[in-house]
Amino acid sequence: MLSDVFDRFRTAHLNPPSAGAVQYLGHIMSESGGCADPQKVAAVRNWPVPTSVTELQIFLSLCFYHHQFVKDFATIAPSLHQFMKKGHKQDCEKRGRGN
């Protein structure tokens, strides 16, 4: 797949990236495969703790986009989804404030 991209660079008389990798939509694609962009991973790691159900939904959407790069995501995500159920809103808000 990546070799096809580099072939298109050459066909258009453009120089492919010298590092042998292409950054695309938050991923870095190279001959050995793809991985998440370290800057995007840092953004998720440094995301502030959600303090409302809406903030939790936003965070989960961001995480789900990168779920294939998160070890055991399918095990972690259901516990976060529990906070979005009726009656757990106060728990989410309480935990978000560090109480």
N, C-alpha and C. Protein backbone atom coordinates (compact mmCIF):
# COMPACT_ATOMS: atom_id res chain seq x y z
N MET A 1 0.82 -1.19 0.00
CA MET A 1 0.00 0.00 0.00
C MET A 1 0.87 1.26 0.00
N LEU A 2 1.82 1.32 0.93
CA LEU A 2 2.66 2.51 1.00
C LEU A 2 3.55 2.62 -0.25
N SER A 3 3.96 1.48 -0.78
CA SER A 3 4.78 1.53 -2.00
C SER A 3 3.99 2.16 -3.14
N ASP A 4 2.67 1.93 -3.17
CA ASP A 4 1.82 2.57 -4.18
C ASP A 4 1.83 4.09 -4.02
N VAL A 5 1.78 4.55 -2.77
CA VAL A 5 1.82 5.99 -2.50
C VAL A 5 3.14 6.57 -2.99
N PHE A 6 4.25 5.89 -2.67
CA PHE A 6 5.55 6.39 -3.11
C PHE A 6 5.68 6.35 -4.63
N ASP A 7 5.09 5.33 -5.28
CA ASP A 7 5.10 5.28 -6.74
C ASP A 7 4.37 6.47 -7.33
N ARG A 8 3.28 6.87 -6.70
CA ARG A 8 2.53 8.04 -7.19
C ARG A 8 3.34 9.32 -7.02
N PHE A 9 4.10 9.40 -5.93
CA PHE A 9 5.00 10.55 -5.77
C PHE A 9 5.96 10.61 -6.95
N ARG A 10 6.58 9.47 -7.25
CA ARG A 10 7.56 9.43 -8.34
C ARG A 10 6.91 9.75 -9.69
N THR A 11 5.71 9.21 -9.94
CA THR A 11 5.00 9.46 -11.20
C THR A 11 4.72 10.94 -11.38
N ALA A 12 4.43 11.62 -10.28
CA ALA A 12 4.15 13.07 -10.33
C ALA A 12 5.43 13.89 -10.26
N HIS A 13 6.58 13.20 -10.33
CA HIS A 13 7.89 13.86 -10.26
C HIS A 13 8.07 14.62 -8.95
N LEU A 14 7.55 14.03 -7.87
CA LEU A 14 7.74 14.57 -6.54
C LEU A 14 8.65 13.64 -5.76
N ASN A 15 9.38 14.19 -4.84
CA ASN A 15 10.23 13.36 -4.01
C ASN A 15 9.43 12.81 -2.84
N PRO A 16 9.41 11.50 -2.66
CA PRO A 16 8.72 10.96 -1.49
C PRO A 16 9.45 11.38 -0.22
N PRO A 17 8.78 11.37 0.91
CA PRO A 17 9.44 11.73 2.16
C PRO A 17 10.70 10.90 2.37
N SER A 18 11.78 11.55 2.74
CA SER A 18 13.06 10.86 2.87
C SER A 18 13.09 9.87 4.03
N ALA A 19 12.26 10.09 5.02
CA ALA A 19 12.27 9.20 6.17
C ALA A 19 11.56 7.88 5.88
N GLY A 20 10.91 7.77 4.73
CA GLY A 20 10.21 6.55 4.39
C GLY A 20 8.89 6.39 5.11
N ALA A 21 8.33 7.48 5.60
CA ALA A 21 7.05 7.44 6.31
C ALA A 21 6.20 8.63 5.88
N VAL A 22 4.89 8.44 5.96
CA VAL A 22 3.94 9.49 5.59
C VAL A 22 3.00 9.70 6.76
N GLN A 23 2.81 10.96 7.13
CA GLN A 23 1.87 11.30 8.19
C GLN A 23 0.52 11.56 7.54
N TYR A 24 -0.53 10.86 8.05
CA TYR A 24 -1.84 10.97 7.42
C TYR A 24 -2.93 10.80 8.46
N LEU A 25 -3.76 11.82 8.64
CA LEU A 25 -4.92 11.77 9.55
C LEU A 25 -4.60 11.22 10.93
N GLY A 26 -3.53 11.71 11.51
CA GLY A 26 -3.18 11.30 12.87
C GLY A 26 -2.47 9.97 12.97
N HIS A 27 -2.04 9.44 11.83
CA HIS A 27 -1.31 8.18 11.80
C HIS A 27 -0.01 8.38 11.04
N ILE A 28 0.96 7.55 11.33
CA ILE A 28 2.21 7.56 10.59
C ILE A 28 2.32 6.22 9.88
N MET A 29 2.36 6.28 8.56
CA MET A 29 2.43 5.08 7.75
C MET A 29 3.85 4.92 7.23
N SER A 30 4.39 3.71 7.38
CA SER A 30 5.73 3.42 6.89
C SER A 30 5.73 2.04 6.25
N GLU A 31 6.87 1.64 5.74
CA GLU A 31 7.00 0.33 5.11
C GLU A 31 6.62 -0.79 6.09
N SER A 32 6.88 -0.58 7.37
CA SER A 32 6.61 -1.63 8.37
C SER A 32 5.17 -1.63 8.87
N GLY A 33 4.36 -0.65 8.47
CA GLY A 33 2.96 -0.60 8.88
C GLY A 33 2.59 0.78 9.38
N GLY A 34 1.52 0.84 10.18
CA GLY A 34 1.04 2.12 10.68
C GLY A 34 1.09 2.18 12.19
N CYS A 35 1.15 3.39 12.70
CA CYS A 35 1.08 3.61 14.14
C CYS A 35 0.45 4.98 14.38
N ALA A 36 0.02 5.20 15.60
CA ALA A 36 -0.57 6.49 15.95
C ALA A 36 0.52 7.55 16.02
N ASP A 37 0.18 8.74 15.61
CA ASP A 37 1.11 9.87 15.70
C ASP A 37 1.38 10.16 17.17
N PRO A 38 2.65 10.19 17.60
CA PRO A 38 2.96 10.43 19.01
C PRO A 38 2.35 11.72 19.57
N GLN A 39 2.18 12.74 18.73
CA GLN A 39 1.55 13.97 19.20
C GLN A 39 0.08 13.74 19.54
N LYS A 40 -0.59 12.90 18.78
CA LYS A 40 -1.99 12.59 19.05
C LYS A 40 -2.12 11.75 20.32
N VAL A 41 -1.19 10.83 20.51
CA VAL A 41 -1.18 10.00 21.72
C VAL A 41 -0.98 10.89 22.95
N ALA A 42 -0.06 11.85 22.85
CA ALA A 42 0.19 12.77 23.95
C ALA A 42 -1.06 13.61 24.25
N ALA A 43 -1.79 13.99 23.22
CA ALA A 43 -3.01 14.78 23.43
C ALA A 43 -4.04 13.98 24.22
N VAL A 44 -4.17 12.68 23.93
CA VAL A 44 -5.11 11.84 24.67
C VAL A 44 -4.63 11.65 26.11
N ARG A 45 -3.34 11.40 26.28
CA ARG A 45 -2.79 11.20 27.64
C ARG A 45 -2.95 12.44 28.51
N ASN A 46 -2.82 13.60 27.90
CA ASN A 46 -2.87 14.85 28.66
C ASN A 46 -4.26 15.47 28.70
N TRP A 47 -5.27 14.76 28.20
CA TRP A 47 -6.65 15.26 28.19
C TRP A 47 -7.10 15.46 29.63
N PRO A 48 -7.76 16.56 29.94
CA PRO A 48 -8.23 16.76 31.32
C PRO A 48 -9.30 15.73 31.68
N VAL A 49 -9.38 15.40 32.96
CA VAL A 49 -10.35 14.42 33.44
C VAL A 49 -11.76 14.95 33.17
N PRO A 50 -12.61 14.16 32.49
CA PRO A 50 -13.97 14.62 32.22
C PRO A 50 -14.73 14.85 33.53
N THR A 51 -15.48 15.93 33.58
CA THR A 51 -16.25 16.25 34.79
C THR A 51 -17.74 16.23 34.55
N SER A 52 -18.15 15.85 33.33
CA SER A 52 -19.57 15.73 33.02
C SER A 52 -19.75 14.60 32.03
N VAL A 53 -20.96 14.17 31.86
CA VAL A 53 -21.27 13.11 30.91
C VAL A 53 -20.91 13.56 29.49
N THR A 54 -21.20 14.81 29.16
CA THR A 54 -20.89 15.32 27.83
C THR A 54 -19.39 15.30 27.58
N GLU A 55 -18.60 15.73 28.56
CA GLU A 55 -17.15 15.69 28.41
C GLU A 55 -16.65 14.26 28.27
N LEU A 56 -17.25 13.33 28.99
CA LEU A 56 -16.88 11.92 28.89
C LEU A 56 -17.19 11.38 27.50
N GLN A 57 -18.34 11.75 26.94
CA GLN A 57 -18.70 11.32 25.59
C GLN A 57 -17.69 11.83 24.57
N ILE A 58 -17.27 13.07 24.71
CA ILE A 58 -16.29 13.65 23.80
C ILE A 58 -14.97 12.90 23.91
N PHE A 59 -14.54 12.63 25.14
CA PHE A 59 -13.29 11.91 25.35
C PHE A 59 -13.36 10.50 24.77
N LEU A 60 -14.46 9.79 25.00
CA LEU A 60 -14.60 8.43 24.47
C LEU A 60 -14.60 8.42 22.95
N SER A 61 -15.20 9.42 22.34
CA SER A 61 -15.18 9.51 20.87
C SER A 61 -13.75 9.66 20.36
N LEU A 62 -12.99 10.50 21.02
CA LEU A 62 -11.59 10.69 20.65
C LEU A 62 -10.82 9.39 20.82
N CYS A 63 -11.03 8.71 21.94
CA CYS A 63 -10.33 7.45 22.20
C CYS A 63 -10.73 6.38 21.20
N PHE A 64 -12.00 6.31 20.87
CA PHE A 64 -12.46 5.26 19.96
C PHE A 64 -11.81 5.41 18.59
N TYR A 65 -11.54 6.63 18.17
CA TYR A 65 -10.88 6.83 16.88
C TYR A 65 -9.54 6.12 16.85
N HIS A 66 -8.84 6.08 17.98
CA HIS A 66 -7.51 5.46 18.07
C HIS A 66 -7.55 4.10 18.76
N HIS A 67 -8.74 3.48 18.89
CA HIS A 67 -8.86 2.27 19.70
C HIS A 67 -7.96 1.12 19.26
N GLN A 68 -7.63 1.03 17.99
CA GLN A 68 -6.82 -0.09 17.54
C GLN A 68 -5.39 -0.01 18.06
N PHE A 69 -4.99 1.15 18.56
CA PHE A 69 -3.65 1.32 19.11
C PHE A 69 -3.61 1.25 20.63
N VAL A 70 -4.78 1.09 21.27
CA VAL A 70 -4.86 1.05 22.74
C VAL A 70 -5.02 -0.40 23.19
N LYS A 71 -4.03 -0.87 23.92
CA LYS A 71 -4.08 -2.25 24.42
C LYS A 71 -5.29 -2.41 25.35
N ASP A 72 -6.05 -3.47 25.14
CA ASP A 72 -7.21 -3.82 25.96
C ASP A 72 -8.30 -2.74 25.97
N PHE A 73 -8.45 -2.00 24.88
CA PHE A 73 -9.47 -0.95 24.81
C PHE A 73 -10.85 -1.51 25.08
N ALA A 74 -11.14 -2.69 24.54
CA ALA A 74 -12.46 -3.30 24.72
C ALA A 74 -12.74 -3.63 26.18
N THR A 75 -11.71 -3.80 26.98
CA THR A 75 -11.87 -4.07 28.41
C THR A 75 -12.02 -2.77 29.20
N ILE A 76 -11.34 -1.74 28.76
CA ILE A 76 -11.34 -0.45 29.48
C ILE A 76 -12.60 0.35 29.21
N ALA A 77 -13.02 0.43 27.96
CA ALA A 77 -14.11 1.31 27.56
C ALA A 77 -15.44 1.02 28.26
N PRO A 78 -15.84 -0.25 28.47
CA PRO A 78 -17.14 -0.47 29.12
C PRO A 78 -17.25 0.17 30.51
N SER A 79 -16.16 0.18 31.27
CA SER A 79 -16.23 0.80 32.59
C SER A 79 -16.46 2.30 32.48
N LEU A 80 -15.91 2.93 31.44
CA LEU A 80 -16.16 4.36 31.23
C LEU A 80 -17.58 4.61 30.74
N HIS A 81 -18.10 3.69 29.93
CA HIS A 81 -19.47 3.83 29.44
C HIS A 81 -20.49 3.73 30.59
N GLN A 82 -20.15 3.03 31.67
CA GLN A 82 -21.06 2.90 32.80
C GLN A 82 -21.44 4.26 33.37
N PHE A 83 -20.52 5.21 33.32
CA PHE A 83 -20.78 6.54 33.87
C PHE A 83 -21.82 7.31 33.07
N MET A 84 -22.09 6.88 31.84
CA MET A 84 -23.07 7.59 31.02
C MET A 84 -24.49 7.08 31.24
N LYS A 85 -24.62 6.00 31.99
CA LYS A 85 -25.96 5.46 32.26
C LYS A 85 -26.68 6.33 33.29
N LYS A 86 -27.98 6.27 33.24
CA LYS A 86 -28.81 7.05 34.15
C LYS A 86 -28.44 6.70 35.60
N GLY A 87 -28.29 7.72 36.43
CA GLY A 87 -27.97 7.52 37.83
C GLY A 87 -26.48 7.58 38.13
N HIS A 88 -25.66 7.50 37.08
CA HIS A 88 -24.21 7.56 37.30
C HIS A 88 -23.63 8.93 37.01
N LYS A 89 -24.47 9.88 36.60
CA LYS A 89 -23.98 11.21 36.27
C LYS A 89 -23.28 11.85 37.46
N GLN A 90 -23.88 11.73 38.65
CA GLN A 90 -23.28 12.33 39.83
C GLN A 90 -21.94 11.67 40.16
N ASP A 91 -21.85 10.34 39.95
CA ASP A 91 -20.57 9.66 40.20
C ASP A 91 -19.49 10.21 39.30
N CYS A 92 -19.82 10.42 38.02
CA CYS A 92 -18.86 10.94 37.06
C CYS A 92 -18.40 12.33 37.48
N GLU A 93 -19.35 13.17 37.85
CA GLU A 93 -19.00 14.53 38.24
C GLU A 93 -18.18 14.54 39.53
N LYS A 94 -18.53 13.66 40.48
CA LYS A 94 -17.80 13.59 41.74
C LYS A 94 -16.34 13.13 41.49
N ARG A 95 -16.16 12.12 40.67
CA ARG A 95 -14.83 11.60 40.39
C ARG A 95 -14.00 12.61 39.59
N GLY A 96 -14.66 13.37 38.72
CA GLY A 96 -13.96 14.36 37.91
C GLY A 96 -13.37 15.48 38.74
N ARG A 97 -13.99 15.75 39.87
CA ARG A 97 -13.46 16.80 40.75
C ARG A 97 -12.43 16.25 41.71
N GLY A 98 -12.15 14.95 41.62
CA GLY A 98 -11.14 14.37 42.50
C GLY A 98 -11.64 14.02 43.86
N ASN A 99 -12.98 13.98 44.08
CA ASN A 99 -13.54 13.62 45.39
C ASN A 99 -13.68 12.14 45.53
